[in-house]
Amino acid sequence: MSNYSSLQVLLEETVPALGYEYLPLNGNDAQKTDILIRSLSKNFVLSWKVDNTLLFSAEIKSQVAEKLRTLFFNQVWFKNESNINSVDDIQDFISANLPNENPESRILSVLQFIYAKTPFAGDTVDISSSELSFEEEYWRNMFFHLQSEFAFYVNAAEELGYLSIQDKYAGNFFGIGLTAKGLGAIIEIENQNKSKSCFVAMSFVDEMFRIYEEAIRPAILETGFEPLIISEKKDIPSDITINDAILAAIKKSKFTIADFTEHKHGVYFESGYALGRGQKVIYTCRQDEIGKAHFDTRNYPHIIWKDAEDLKKQLIDKIEVFIKS
């Protein structure tokens, strides 16, 4: 694990490594530094104001620093003209943008990585510890924060029968390849990734149907996807139960939006099922209801909304960054 002594050291090491210029500027405010991140070749410029206490002191703990570096490696930055005043601001940014870290999605990321390096069925590849150390983007781009996390999930994928490994020691993997089970998982996830559907899980009450029509549905459509919602108001063939229809809809969707307003058990089940399949889930909840959130989902970042207009705007931003990027 890197030992970043301050936010400035983290930025000095990370930004140039990604091909951008890091330019701290002396502005009119003595308590803050203007930070410019730019790339002339990529037509990319970001400007932030950072509190000097945060920038130069050792307030950024190693775990926070590694997660921040991971987000930057995936081109997820603080918004232009952001004011970064405290560690809490950084934690909020990480919580809002870091994908869910459930084991199933982590294992799928490893399988996709091996699949990209072995274009033929039965093909194998060697991955050395030194290679991972020098090619940090391998595991950062899968949203791992440490090289050891990548190695842990490679071993987990082998134990589950998705990978075969001929030999391994000290973080080195030799003759690593996908099994038939692993290839099957890749095919399934590729079909899902091609989907343009978004499954919507929510409480089926009149107020939430209004929110769906004014916020959720238009946000999905405006970002290029098709909403897929299964309710008792929807025509379902007589030989199919509503539960079967819901599970089938989740399977065919690229991602799920789960709104926990009123905290219906079905929403918890449907979001958990989607998450367990390695699918991305966007969690939302009306601001007066978030305090009732179940502990199982409380650690996931939620979009907290006050009205339809607020939810629509936040959903569009989230889909653009979390799903389309």
C-alpha atoms as a PDB file:
ATOM      1  CA  MET A   1       0.000   0.000   0.000  1.00  0.00           C
ATOM      2  CA  SER A   2       1.284   3.456  -0.884  1.00  0.00           C
ATOM      3  CA  ASN A   3       1.945   5.892   1.939  1.00  0.00           C
ATOM      4  CA  TYR A   4       0.626   9.247   0.759  1.00  0.00           C
ATOM      5  CA  SER A   5       1.661  11.860   3.318  1.00  0.00           C
ATOM      6  CA  SER A   6      -0.906  14.389   2.101  1.00  0.00           C
ATOM      7  CA  LEU A   7      -3.525  15.027  -0.559  1.00  0.00           C
ATOM      8  CA  GLN A   8      -0.958  17.027  -2.493  1.00  0.00           C
ATOM      9  CA  VAL A   9       1.445  14.054  -2.640  1.00  0.00           C
ATOM     10  CA  LEU A  10      -1.405  11.833  -3.848  1.00  0.00           C
ATOM     11  CA  LEU A  11      -2.265  14.299  -6.618  1.00  0.00           C
ATOM     12  CA  GLU A  12       1.390  14.847  -7.561  1.00  0.00           C
ATOM     13  CA  GLU A  13       1.895  11.096  -7.998  1.00  0.00           C
ATOM     14  CA  THR A  14      -1.428  10.160  -9.574  1.00  0.00           C
ATOM     15  CA  VAL A  15      -2.351  12.928 -12.010  1.00  0.00           C
ATOM     16  CA  PRO A  16       0.862  12.862 -14.137  1.00  0.00           C
ATOM     17  CA  ALA A  17       0.774   9.046 -14.165  1.00  0.00           C
ATOM     18  CA  LEU A  18      -2.590   9.307 -15.940  1.00  0.00           C
ATOM     19  CA  GLY A  19      -1.262  11.689 -18.570  1.00  0.00           C
ATOM     20  CA  TYR A  20      -2.569  14.951 -17.123  1.00  0.00           C
ATOM     21  CA  GLU A  21      -0.896  18.076 -15.778  1.00  0.00           C
ATOM     22  CA  TYR A  22      -1.258  18.889 -12.085  1.00  0.00           C
ATOM     23  CA  LEU A  23      -1.001  22.644 -11.498  1.00  0.00           C
ATOM     24  CA  PRO A  24      -1.452  24.126  -8.006  1.00  0.00           C
ATOM     25  CA  LEU A  25      -2.023  27.879  -8.342  1.00  0.00           C
ATOM     26  CA  ASN A  26      -1.833  30.676  -5.806  1.00  0.00           C
ATOM     27  CA  GLY A  27      -5.209  32.397  -5.786  1.00  0.00           C
ATOM     28  CA  ASN A  28      -6.660  35.319  -3.874  1.00  0.00           C
ATOM     29  CA  ASP A  29      -7.811  33.131  -0.995  1.00  0.00           C
ATOM     30  CA  ALA A  30      -4.943  32.510   1.449  1.00  0.00           C
ATOM     31  CA  GLN A  31      -6.756  29.539   2.994  1.00  0.00           C
ATOM     32  CA  LYS A  32      -7.290  27.650  -0.264  1.00  0.00           C
ATOM     33  CA  THR A  33      -5.243  26.539  -3.257  1.00  0.00           C
ATOM     34  CA  ASP A  34      -6.609  26.552  -6.790  1.00  0.00           C
ATOM     35  CA  ILE A  35      -5.880  23.192  -8.414  1.00  0.00           C
ATOM     36  CA  LEU A  36      -5.884  22.827 -12.189  1.00  0.00           C
ATOM     37  CA  ILE A  37      -5.999  19.368 -13.803  1.00  0.00           C
ATOM     38  CA  ARG A  38      -5.614  19.574 -17.564  1.00  0.00           C
ATOM     39  CA  SER A  39      -4.599  17.816 -20.753  1.00  0.00           C
ATOM     40  CA  LEU A  40      -4.270  19.883 -23.916  1.00  0.00           C
ATOM     41  CA  SER A  41      -4.278  16.792 -26.124  1.00  0.00           C
ATOM     42  CA  LYS A  42      -7.506  15.518 -24.545  1.00  0.00           C
ATOM     43  CA  ASN A  43      -9.161  18.952 -24.392  1.00  0.00           C
ATOM     44  CA  PHE A  44      -9.691  18.364 -20.677  1.00  0.00           C
ATOM     45  CA  VAL A  45      -9.598  20.959 -17.895  1.00  0.00           C
ATOM     46  CA  LEU A  46     -10.815  20.777 -14.302  1.00  0.00           C
ATOM     47  CA  SER A  47     -10.499  23.441 -11.622  1.00  0.00           C
ATOM     48  CA  TRP A  48     -10.874  22.798  -7.875  1.00  0.00           C
ATOM     49  CA  LYS A  49     -10.450  24.841  -4.725  1.00  0.00           C
ATOM     50  CA  VAL A  50      -8.831  22.812  -1.950  1.00  0.00           C
ATOM     51  CA  ASP A  51      -8.442  23.835   1.676  1.00  0.00           C
ATOM     52  CA  ASN A  52      -4.724  24.192   2.454  1.00  0.00           C
ATOM     53  CA  THR A  53      -5.082  22.303   5.730  1.00  0.00           C
ATOM     54  CA  LEU A  54      -6.394  19.320   3.817  1.00  0.00           C
ATOM     55  CA  LEU A  55      -3.957  19.688   0.929  1.00  0.00           C
ATOM     56  CA  PHE A  56      -0.744  19.814   2.935  1.00  0.00           C
ATOM     57  CA  SER A  57      -1.462  17.924   6.165  1.00  0.00           C
ATOM     58  CA  ALA A  58      -1.459  14.176   6.696  1.00  0.00           C
ATOM     59  CA  GLU A  59      -5.231  13.863   7.021  1.00  0.00           C
ATOM     60  CA  ILE A  60      -5.711  11.453   4.136  1.00  0.00           C
ATOM     61  CA  LYS A  61      -5.493   7.941   5.535  1.00  0.00           C
ATOM     62  CA  SER A  62      -4.131   5.164   3.358  1.00  0.00           C
ATOM     63  CA  GLN A  63      -7.474   3.447   2.692  1.00  0.00           C
ATOM     64  CA  VAL A  64      -9.133   6.710   1.632  1.00  0.00           C
ATOM     65  CA  ALA A  65      -6.134   7.635  -0.533  1.00  0.00           C
ATOM     66  CA  GLU A  66      -6.138   4.294  -2.362  1.00  0.00           C
ATOM     67  CA  LYS A  67      -9.868   4.542  -3.129  1.00  0.00           C
ATOM     68  CA  LEU A  68      -9.440   8.094  -4.376  1.00  0.00           C
ATOM     69  CA  ARG A  69      -6.549   6.989  -6.609  1.00  0.00           C
ATOM     70  CA  THR A  70      -8.712   4.134  -7.945  1.00  0.00           C
ATOM     71  CA  LEU A  71     -11.475   6.558  -8.934  1.00  0.00           C
ATOM     72  CA  PHE A  72      -8.989   8.848 -10.695  1.00  0.00           C
ATOM     73  CA  PHE A  73      -7.595   5.849 -12.610  1.00  0.00           C
ATOM     74  CA  ASN A  74     -11.136   5.264 -13.882  1.00  0.00           C
ATOM     75  CA  GLN A  75     -11.450   8.922 -14.972  1.00  0.00           C
ATOM     76  CA  VAL A  76     -13.862   9.731 -12.152  1.00  0.00           C
ATOM     77  CA  TRP A  77     -12.907  13.195 -10.907  1.00  0.00           C
ATOM     78  CA  PHE A  78     -14.337  15.815  -8.600  1.00  0.00           C
ATOM     79  CA  LYS A  79     -16.662  18.037 -10.618  1.00  0.00           C
ATOM     80  CA  ASN A  80     -15.266  21.185 -12.188  1.00  0.00           C
ATOM     81  CA  GLU A  81     -15.178  24.137  -9.757  1.00  0.00           C
ATOM     82  CA  SER A  82     -15.570  21.825  -6.748  1.00  0.00           C
ATOM     83  CA  ASN A  83     -14.722  23.110  -3.275  1.00  0.00           C
ATOM     84  CA  ILE A  84     -12.904  20.411  -1.294  1.00  0.00           C
ATOM     85  CA  ASN A  85     -12.761  21.492   2.325  1.00  0.00           C
ATOM     86  CA  SER A  86     -12.522  18.359   4.452  1.00  0.00           C
ATOM     87  CA  VAL A  87     -11.955  14.621   4.556  1.00  0.00           C
ATOM     88  CA  ASP A  88     -15.743  14.297   4.734  1.00  0.00           C
ATOM     89  CA  ASP A  89     -15.987  15.930   1.282  1.00  0.00           C
ATOM     90  CA  ILE A  90     -13.604  13.284  -0.052  1.00  0.00           C
ATOM     91  CA  GLN A  91     -15.474  10.459   1.703  1.00  0.00           C
ATOM     92  CA  ASP A  92     -18.781  11.701   0.250  1.00  0.00           C
ATOM     93  CA  PHE A  93     -17.226  11.777  -3.229  1.00  0.00           C
ATOM     94  CA  ILE A  94     -15.918   8.223  -2.814  1.00  0.00           C
ATOM     95  CA  SER A  95     -19.257   6.913  -1.498  1.00  0.00           C
ATOM     96  CA  ALA A  96     -21.193   8.530  -4.338  1.00  0.00           C
ATOM     97  CA  ASN A  97     -18.947   7.212  -7.125  1.00  0.00           C
ATOM     98  CA  LEU A  98     -17.316   3.956  -6.072  1.00  0.00           C
ATOM     99  CA  PRO A  99     -19.179   0.919  -7.463  1.00  0.00           C
ATOM    100  CA  ASN A 100     -20.647  -1.641  -5.104  1.00  0.00           C
ATOM    101  CA  GLU A 101     -17.936  -3.977  -3.851  1.00  0.00           C
ATOM    102  CA  ASN A 102     -19.884  -7.230  -3.521  1.00  0.00           C
ATOM    103  CA  PRO A 103     -17.788 -10.378  -4.136  1.00  0.00           C
ATOM    104  CA  GLU A 104     -19.860 -11.562  -7.108  1.00  0.00           C
ATOM    105  CA  SER A 105     -19.212  -8.442  -9.171  1.00  0.00           C
ATOM    106  CA  ARG A 106     -15.513  -8.490  -8.193  1.00  0.00           C
ATOM    107  CA  ILE A 107     -15.155 -12.072  -9.419  1.00  0.00           C
ATOM    108  CA  LEU A 108     -16.908 -11.201 -12.687  1.00  0.00           C
ATOM    109  CA  SER A 109     -14.427  -8.354 -13.191  1.00  0.00           C
ATOM    110  CA  VAL A 110     -11.556 -10.838 -12.836  1.00  0.00           C
ATOM    111  CA  LEU A 111     -13.183 -13.223 -15.327  1.00  0.00           C
ATOM    112  CA  GLN A 112     -13.626 -10.417 -17.862  1.00  0.00           C
ATOM    113  CA  PHE A 113      -9.971  -9.446 -17.407  1.00  0.00           C
ATOM    114  CA  ILE A 114      -8.754 -13.021 -18.024  1.00  0.00           C
ATOM    115  CA  TYR A 115     -11.168 -13.365 -20.952  1.00  0.00           C
ATOM    116  CA  ALA A 116      -9.649 -10.267 -22.603  1.00  0.00           C
ATOM    117  CA  LYS A 117      -6.133 -11.727 -22.232  1.00  0.00           C
ATOM    118  CA  THR A 118      -7.094 -15.207 -23.531  1.00  0.00           C
ATOM    119  CA  PRO A 119      -9.030 -14.796 -26.816  1.00  0.00           C
ATOM    120  CA  PHE A 120      -9.417 -18.545 -27.452  1.00  0.00           C
ATOM    121  CA  ALA A 121     -11.185 -21.188 -25.379  1.00  0.00           C
ATOM    122  CA  GLY A 122      -8.552 -23.193 -23.503  1.00  0.00           C
ATOM    123  CA  ASP A 123      -5.951 -20.454 -23.858  1.00  0.00           C
ATOM    124  CA  THR A 124      -3.890 -19.527 -20.785  1.00  0.00           C
ATOM    125  CA  VAL A 125      -1.816 -16.584 -19.647  1.00  0.00           C
ATOM    126  CA  ASP A 126       0.812 -15.918 -16.987  1.00  0.00           C
ATOM    127  CA  ILE A 127       0.296 -12.967 -14.636  1.00  0.00           C
ATOM    128  CA  SER A 128       3.247 -12.116 -12.428  1.00  0.00           C
ATOM    129  CA  SER A 129       3.319 -10.096  -9.240  1.00  0.00           C
ATOM    130  CA  SER A 130       5.921  -7.767 -10.750  1.00  0.00           C
ATOM    131  CA  GLU A 131       3.728  -7.192 -13.804  1.00  0.00           C
ATOM    132  CA  LEU A 132       0.829  -6.188 -11.558  1.00  0.00           C
ATOM    133  CA  SER A 133       3.087  -3.857  -9.595  1.00  0.00           C
ATOM    134  CA  PHE A 134       4.256  -2.019 -12.703  1.00  0.00           C
ATOM    135  CA  GLU A 135       0.902  -2.167 -14.523  1.00  0.00           C
ATOM    136  CA  GLU A 136      -1.243  -0.765 -11.747  1.00  0.00           C
ATOM    137  CA  GLU A 137      -4.115   0.043 -14.109  1.00  0.00           C
ATOM    138  CA  TYR A 138      -4.823  -3.705 -14.468  1.00  0.00           C
ATOM    139  CA  TRP A 139      -6.451  -3.894 -11.074  1.00  0.00           C
ATOM    140  CA  ARG A 140      -7.290  -0.201 -10.562  1.00  0.00           C
ATOM    141  CA  ASN A 141      -9.513  -0.313 -13.648  1.00  0.00           C
ATOM    142  CA  MET A 142     -11.447  -3.145 -12.016  1.00  0.00           C
ATOM    143  CA  PHE A 143     -11.923  -0.852  -8.986  1.00  0.00           C
ATOM    144  CA  PHE A 144      -9.572  -2.873  -6.790  1.00  0.00           C
ATOM    145  CA  HIS A 145      -7.630  -0.685  -4.379  1.00  0.00           C
ATOM    146  CA  LEU A 146      -4.735  -3.076  -3.732  1.00  0.00           C
ATOM    147  CA  GLN A 147      -2.851  -5.646  -5.765  1.00  0.00           C
ATOM    148  CA  SER A 148      -3.582  -8.195  -3.036  1.00  0.00           C
ATOM    149  CA  GLU A 149      -7.337  -7.730  -3.594  1.00  0.00           C
ATOM    150  CA  PHE A 150      -6.946  -8.778  -7.211  1.00  0.00           C
ATOM    151  CA  ALA A 151      -4.983 -11.876  -6.166  1.00  0.00           C
ATOM    152  CA  PHE A 152      -7.620 -12.736  -3.542  1.00  0.00           C
ATOM    153  CA  TYR A 153     -10.436 -12.742  -6.120  1.00  0.00           C
ATOM    154  CA  VAL A 154      -8.381 -14.714  -8.644  1.00  0.00           C
ATOM    155  CA  ASN A 155      -8.058 -17.430  -6.011  1.00  0.00           C
ATOM    156  CA  ALA A 156     -11.764 -17.147  -5.172  1.00  0.00           C
ATOM    157  CA  ALA A 157     -12.684 -17.554  -8.864  1.00  0.00           C
ATOM    158  CA  GLU A 158     -10.538 -20.694  -9.027  1.00  0.00           C
ATOM    159  CA  GLU A 159     -12.181 -22.143  -5.915  1.00  0.00           C
ATOM    160  CA  LEU A 160     -15.617 -21.562  -7.468  1.00  0.00           C
ATOM    161  CA  GLY A 161     -14.592 -23.397 -10.640  1.00  0.00           C
ATOM    162  CA  TYR A 162     -14.475 -20.357 -12.958  1.00  0.00           C
ATOM    163  CA  LEU A 163     -10.694 -20.427 -13.469  1.00  0.00           C
ATOM    164  CA  SER A 164      -8.004 -23.051 -13.777  1.00  0.00           C
ATOM    165  CA  ILE A 165      -4.475 -22.226 -12.610  1.00  0.00           C
ATOM    166  CA  GLN A 166      -1.562 -24.530 -13.385  1.00  0.00           C
ATOM    167  CA  ASP A 167       0.791 -23.083 -10.773  1.00  0.00           C
ATOM    168  CA  LYS A 168       0.942 -20.155  -8.359  1.00  0.00           C
ATOM    169  CA  TYR A 169       3.127 -18.769  -5.612  1.00  0.00           C
ATOM    170  CA  ALA A 170       3.816 -15.410  -3.953  1.00  0.00           C
ATOM    171  CA  GLY A 171       1.203 -13.527  -5.973  1.00  0.00           C
ATOM    172  CA  ASN A 172       2.323 -15.063  -9.304  1.00  0.00           C
ATOM    173  CA  PHE A 173      -0.190 -16.996 -11.417  1.00  0.00           C
ATOM    174  CA  PHE A 174       1.001 -19.309 -14.215  1.00  0.00           C
ATOM    175  CA  GLY A 175      -1.189 -20.981 -16.813  1.00  0.00           C
ATOM    176  CA  ILE A 176      -4.356 -19.183 -15.750  1.00  0.00           C
ATOM    177  CA  GLY A 177      -7.402 -19.658 -17.981  1.00  0.00           C
ATOM    178  CA  LEU A 178     -11.187 -19.768 -17.998  1.00  0.00           C
ATOM    179  CA  THR A 179     -13.048 -23.032 -17.454  1.00  0.00           C
ATOM    180  CA  ALA A 180     -16.262 -23.862 -19.333  1.00  0.00           C
ATOM    181  CA  LYS A 181     -18.163 -22.555 -16.319  1.00  0.00           C
ATOM    182  CA  GLY A 182     -16.174 -19.317 -16.465  1.00  0.00           C
ATOM    183  CA  LEU A 183     -16.851 -18.901 -20.189  1.00  0.00           C
ATOM    184  CA  GLY A 184     -20.554 -19.420 -19.524  1.00  0.00           C
ATOM    185  CA  ALA A 185     -20.510 -16.648 -16.926  1.00  0.00           C
ATOM    186  CA  ILE A 186     -18.761 -14.307 -19.387  1.00  0.00           C
ATOM    187  CA  ILE A 187     -21.304 -14.998 -22.132  1.00  0.00           C
ATOM    188  CA  GLU A 188     -24.140 -14.291 -19.726  1.00  0.00           C
ATOM    189  CA  ILE A 189     -22.654 -11.002 -18.540  1.00  0.00           C
ATOM    190  CA  GLU A 190     -21.863  -9.919 -22.125  1.00  0.00           C
ATOM    191  CA  ASN A 191     -25.487 -10.461 -23.113  1.00  0.00           C
ATOM    192  CA  GLN A 192     -26.509  -8.424 -20.103  1.00  0.00           C
ATOM    193  CA  ASN A 193     -24.055  -5.624 -20.985  1.00  0.00           C
ATOM    194  CA  LYS A 194     -25.566  -5.351 -24.482  1.00  0.00           C
ATOM    195  CA  SER A 195     -28.986  -4.826 -22.967  1.00  0.00           C
ATOM    196  CA  LYS A 196     -30.601  -1.392 -23.169  1.00  0.00           C
ATOM    197  CA  SER A 197     -33.102  -2.209 -20.424  1.00  0.00           C
ATOM    198  CA  CYS A 198     -33.156  -0.835 -16.888  1.00  0.00           C
ATOM    199  CA  PHE A 199     -35.210  -2.701 -14.321  1.00  0.00           C
ATOM    200  CA  VAL A 200     -37.051  -0.502 -11.827  1.00  0.00           C
ATOM    201  CA  ALA A 201     -37.881  -1.780  -8.329  1.00  0.00           C
ATOM    202  CA  MET A 202     -40.105   0.438  -6.182  1.00  0.00           C
ATOM    203  CA  SER A 203     -43.208   0.651  -4.044  1.00  0.00           C
ATOM    204  CA  PHE A 204     -46.378   0.396  -6.134  1.00  0.00           C
ATOM    205  CA  VAL A 205     -48.407   3.201  -4.584  1.00  0.00           C
ATOM    206  CA  ASP A 206     -49.979   6.130  -6.430  1.00  0.00           C
ATOM    207  CA  GLU A 207     -47.381   8.661  -5.244  1.00  0.00           C
ATOM    208  CA  MET A 208     -44.482   6.506  -6.434  1.00  0.00           C
ATOM    209  CA  PHE A 209     -46.168   5.858  -9.787  1.00  0.00           C
ATOM    210  CA  ARG A 210     -46.252   9.656 -10.199  1.00  0.00           C
ATOM    211  CA  ILE A 211     -42.548   9.857  -9.301  1.00  0.00           C
ATOM    212  CA  TYR A 212     -41.872   7.067 -11.786  1.00  0.00           C
ATOM    213  CA  GLU A 213     -43.649   8.927 -14.606  1.00  0.00           C
ATOM    214  CA  GLU A 214     -42.134  12.345 -13.792  1.00  0.00           C
ATOM    215  CA  ALA A 215     -38.600  11.365 -12.783  1.00  0.00           C
ATOM    216  CA  ILE A 216     -37.456   7.748 -13.077  1.00  0.00           C
ATOM    217  CA  ARG A 217     -38.875   6.910 -16.497  1.00  0.00           C
ATOM    218  CA  PRO A 218     -37.756  10.132 -18.238  1.00  0.00           C
ATOM    219  CA  ALA A 219     -34.269   9.900 -16.665  1.00  0.00           C
ATOM    220  CA  ILE A 220     -33.859   6.388 -18.053  1.00  0.00           C
ATOM    221  CA  LEU A 221     -35.132   7.361 -21.500  1.00  0.00           C
ATOM    222  CA  GLU A 222     -33.018  10.533 -21.701  1.00  0.00           C
ATOM    223  CA  THR A 223     -29.853   8.519 -21.012  1.00  0.00           C
ATOM    224  CA  GLY A 224     -30.603   6.097 -23.849  1.00  0.00           C
ATOM    225  CA  PHE A 225     -32.128   3.157 -21.981  1.00  0.00           C
ATOM    226  CA  GLU A 226     -35.569   1.562 -21.777  1.00  0.00           C
ATOM    227  CA  PRO A 227     -37.361   1.267 -18.419  1.00  0.00           C
ATOM    228  CA  LEU A 228     -38.591  -2.182 -17.451  1.00  0.00           C
ATOM    229  CA  ILE A 229     -41.048  -2.342 -14.577  1.00  0.00           C
ATOM    230  CA  ILE A 230     -43.175  -5.293 -13.474  1.00  0.00           C
ATOM    231  CA  SER A 231     -46.231  -4.598 -11.355  1.00  0.00           C
ATOM    232  CA  GLU A 232     -49.598  -6.227 -10.823  1.00  0.00           C
ATOM    233  CA  LYS A 233     -50.980  -3.567 -13.177  1.00  0.00           C
ATOM    234  CA  LYS A 234     -48.862  -5.008 -15.999  1.00  0.00           C
ATOM    235  CA  ASP A 235     -50.258  -7.784 -18.175  1.00  0.00           C
ATOM    236  CA  ILE A 236     -48.439 -11.043 -17.400  1.00  0.00           C
ATOM    237  CA  PRO A 237     -49.199 -14.379 -19.148  1.00  0.00           C
ATOM    238  CA  SER A 238     -51.352 -16.611 -16.961  1.00  0.00           C
ATOM    239  CA  ASP A 239     -48.749 -19.384 -16.865  1.00  0.00           C
ATOM    240  CA  ILE A 240     -46.079 -17.054 -15.402  1.00  0.00           C
ATOM    241  CA  THR A 241     -46.092 -15.791 -11.805  1.00  0.00           C
ATOM    242  CA  ILE A 242     -45.256 -12.173 -11.071  1.00  0.00           C
ATOM    243  CA  ASN A 243     -42.108 -13.330  -9.230  1.00  0.00           C
ATOM    244  CA  ASP A 244     -40.938 -15.250 -12.299  1.00  0.00           C
ATOM    245  CA  ALA A 245     -41.615 -12.200 -14.465  1.00  0.00           C
ATOM    246  CA  ILE A 246     -39.617  -9.973 -12.106  1.00  0.00           C
ATOM    247  CA  LEU A 247     -36.596 -12.294 -12.046  1.00  0.00           C
ATOM    248  CA  ALA A 248     -36.682 -12.666 -15.837  1.00  0.00           C
ATOM    249  CA  ALA A 249     -36.820  -8.880 -16.234  1.00  0.00           C
ATOM    250  CA  ILE A 250     -33.830  -8.382 -13.942  1.00  0.00           C
ATOM    251  CA  LYS A 251     -31.837 -10.985 -15.881  1.00  0.00           C
ATOM    252  CA  LYS A 252     -32.428  -9.211 -19.197  1.00  0.00           C
ATOM    253  CA  SER A 253     -31.574  -5.745 -17.827  1.00  0.00           C
ATOM    254  CA  LYS A 254     -28.225  -3.956 -17.901  1.00  0.00           C
ATOM    255  CA  PHE A 255     -28.772  -2.314 -14.509  1.00  0.00           C
ATOM    256  CA  THR A 256     -31.401  -1.791 -11.832  1.00  0.00           C
ATOM    257  CA  ILE A 257     -32.795   1.297 -10.140  1.00  0.00           C
ATOM    258  CA  ALA A 258     -34.152   0.461  -6.687  1.00  0.00           C
ATOM    259  CA  ASP A 259     -36.139   3.092  -4.804  1.00  0.00           C
ATOM    260  CA  PHE A 260     -36.527   2.286  -1.108  1.00  0.00           C
ATOM    261  CA  THR A 261     -39.186   4.857  -0.255  1.00  0.00           C
ATOM    262  CA  GLU A 262     -41.695   2.997   1.990  1.00  0.00           C
ATOM    263  CA  HIS A 263     -39.115   0.167   2.292  1.00  0.00           C
ATOM    264  CA  LYS A 264     -41.078  -2.627   0.677  1.00  0.00           C
ATOM    265  CA  HIS A 265     -39.616  -6.107   1.152  1.00  0.00           C
ATOM    266  CA  GLY A 266     -39.875  -6.765  -2.580  1.00  0.00           C
ATOM    267  CA  VAL A 267     -37.527  -3.892  -3.394  1.00  0.00           C
ATOM    268  CA  TYR A 268     -34.904  -5.258  -1.006  1.00  0.00           C
ATOM    269  CA  PHE A 269     -35.209  -8.710  -2.569  1.00  0.00           C
ATOM    270  CA  GLU A 270     -35.083  -7.471  -6.171  1.00  0.00           C
ATOM    271  CA  SER A 271     -32.086  -5.197  -5.607  1.00  0.00           C
ATOM    272  CA  GLY A 272     -30.281  -7.993  -3.763  1.00  0.00           C
ATOM    273  CA  TYR A 273     -30.987 -10.430  -6.579  1.00  0.00           C
ATOM    274  CA  ALA A 274     -29.667  -7.965  -9.166  1.00  0.00           C
ATOM    275  CA  LEU A 275     -26.576  -7.269  -7.064  1.00  0.00           C
ATOM    276  CA  GLY A 276     -25.934 -10.978  -6.587  1.00  0.00           C
ATOM    277  CA  ARG A 277     -25.861 -11.384 -10.365  1.00  0.00           C
ATOM    278  CA  GLY A 278     -23.070  -8.822 -10.559  1.00  0.00           C
ATOM    279  CA  GLN A 279     -25.432  -6.186 -11.928  1.00  0.00           C
ATOM    280  CA  LYS A 280     -24.997  -2.503 -11.101  1.00  0.00           C
ATOM    281  CA  VAL A 281     -27.709  -1.149  -8.826  1.00  0.00           C
ATOM    282  CA  ILE A 282     -28.593   2.520  -8.306  1.00  0.00           C
ATOM    283  CA  TYR A 283     -30.123   3.026  -4.859  1.00  0.00           C
ATOM    284  CA  THR A 284     -32.578   5.895  -4.323  1.00  0.00           C
ATOM    285  CA  CYS A 285     -34.800   7.003  -1.440  1.00  0.00           C
ATOM    286  CA  ARG A 286     -36.923  10.032  -0.569  1.00  0.00           C
ATOM    287  CA  GLN A 287     -35.101  12.147   2.016  1.00  0.00           C
ATOM    288  CA  ASP A 288     -37.714  11.725   4.769  1.00  0.00           C
ATOM    289  CA  GLU A 289     -37.504   7.911   4.445  1.00  0.00           C
ATOM    290  CA  ILE A 290     -33.749   7.292   4.373  1.00  0.00           C
ATOM    291  CA  GLY A 291     -33.552   7.029   8.163  1.00  0.00           C
ATOM    292  CA  LYS A 292     -35.583   3.812   7.967  1.00  0.00           C
ATOM    293  CA  ALA A 293     -33.161   2.099   5.577  1.00  0.00           C
ATOM    294  CA  HIS A 294     -32.318  -1.487   6.498  1.00  0.00           C
ATOM    295  CA  PHE A 295     -28.741  -2.079   7.657  1.00  0.00           C
ATOM    296  CA  ASP A 296     -28.150  -4.465   4.710  1.00  0.00           C
ATOM    297  CA  THR A 297     -28.274  -1.569   2.239  1.00  0.00           C
ATOM    298  CA  ARG A 298     -27.276   1.348   4.442  1.00  0.00           C
ATOM    299  CA  ASN A 299     -23.607   1.056   3.458  1.00  0.00           C
ATOM    300  CA  TYR A 300     -24.412   1.544  -0.240  1.00  0.00           C
ATOM    301  CA  PRO A 301     -24.501   5.141  -1.552  1.00  0.00           C
ATOM    302  CA  HIS A 302     -28.094   6.291  -2.077  1.00  0.00           C
ATOM    303  CA  ILE A 303     -29.485   9.116  -4.167  1.00  0.00           C
ATOM    304  CA  ILE A 304     -31.437  11.071  -1.566  1.00  0.00           C
ATOM    305  CA  TRP A 305     -34.193  13.025  -3.313  1.00  0.00           C
ATOM    306  CA  LYS A 306     -36.771  15.592  -2.245  1.00  0.00           C
ATOM    307  CA  ASP A 307     -39.052  15.762  -5.302  1.00  0.00           C
ATOM    308  CA  ALA A 308     -39.405  14.462  -8.873  1.00  0.00           C
ATOM    309  CA  GLU A 309     -37.267  17.185 -10.421  1.00  0.00           C
ATOM    310  CA  ASP A 310     -34.452  16.560  -7.942  1.00  0.00           C
ATOM    311  CA  LEU A 311     -34.570  12.785  -8.478  1.00  0.00           C
ATOM    312  CA  LYS A 312     -34.601  13.078 -12.265  1.00  0.00           C
ATOM    313  CA  LYS A 313     -31.508  15.310 -12.324  1.00  0.00           C
ATOM    314  CA  GLN A 314     -29.562  13.123  -9.891  1.00  0.00           C
ATOM    315  CA  LEU A 315     -30.525   9.939 -11.737  1.00  0.00           C
ATOM    316  CA  ILE A 316     -29.359  11.301 -15.087  1.00  0.00           C
ATOM    317  CA  ASP A 317     -26.007  12.305 -13.564  1.00  0.00           C
ATOM    318  CA  LYS A 318     -25.618   8.914 -11.861  1.00  0.00           C
ATOM    319  CA  ILE A 319     -26.469   6.898 -14.987  1.00  0.00           C
ATOM    320  CA  GLU A 320     -24.045   8.924 -17.101  1.00  0.00           C
ATOM    321  CA  VAL A 321     -21.166   8.327 -14.654  1.00  0.00           C
ATOM    322  CA  PHE A 322     -21.955   4.952 -13.083  1.00  0.00           C
ATOM    323  CA  ILE A 323     -23.513   3.068 -16.018  1.00  0.00           C
ATOM    324  CA  LYS A 324     -22.335   4.673 -19.255  1.00  0.00           C
ATOM    325  CA  SER A 325     -18.747   5.640 -18.391  1.00  0.00           C
END
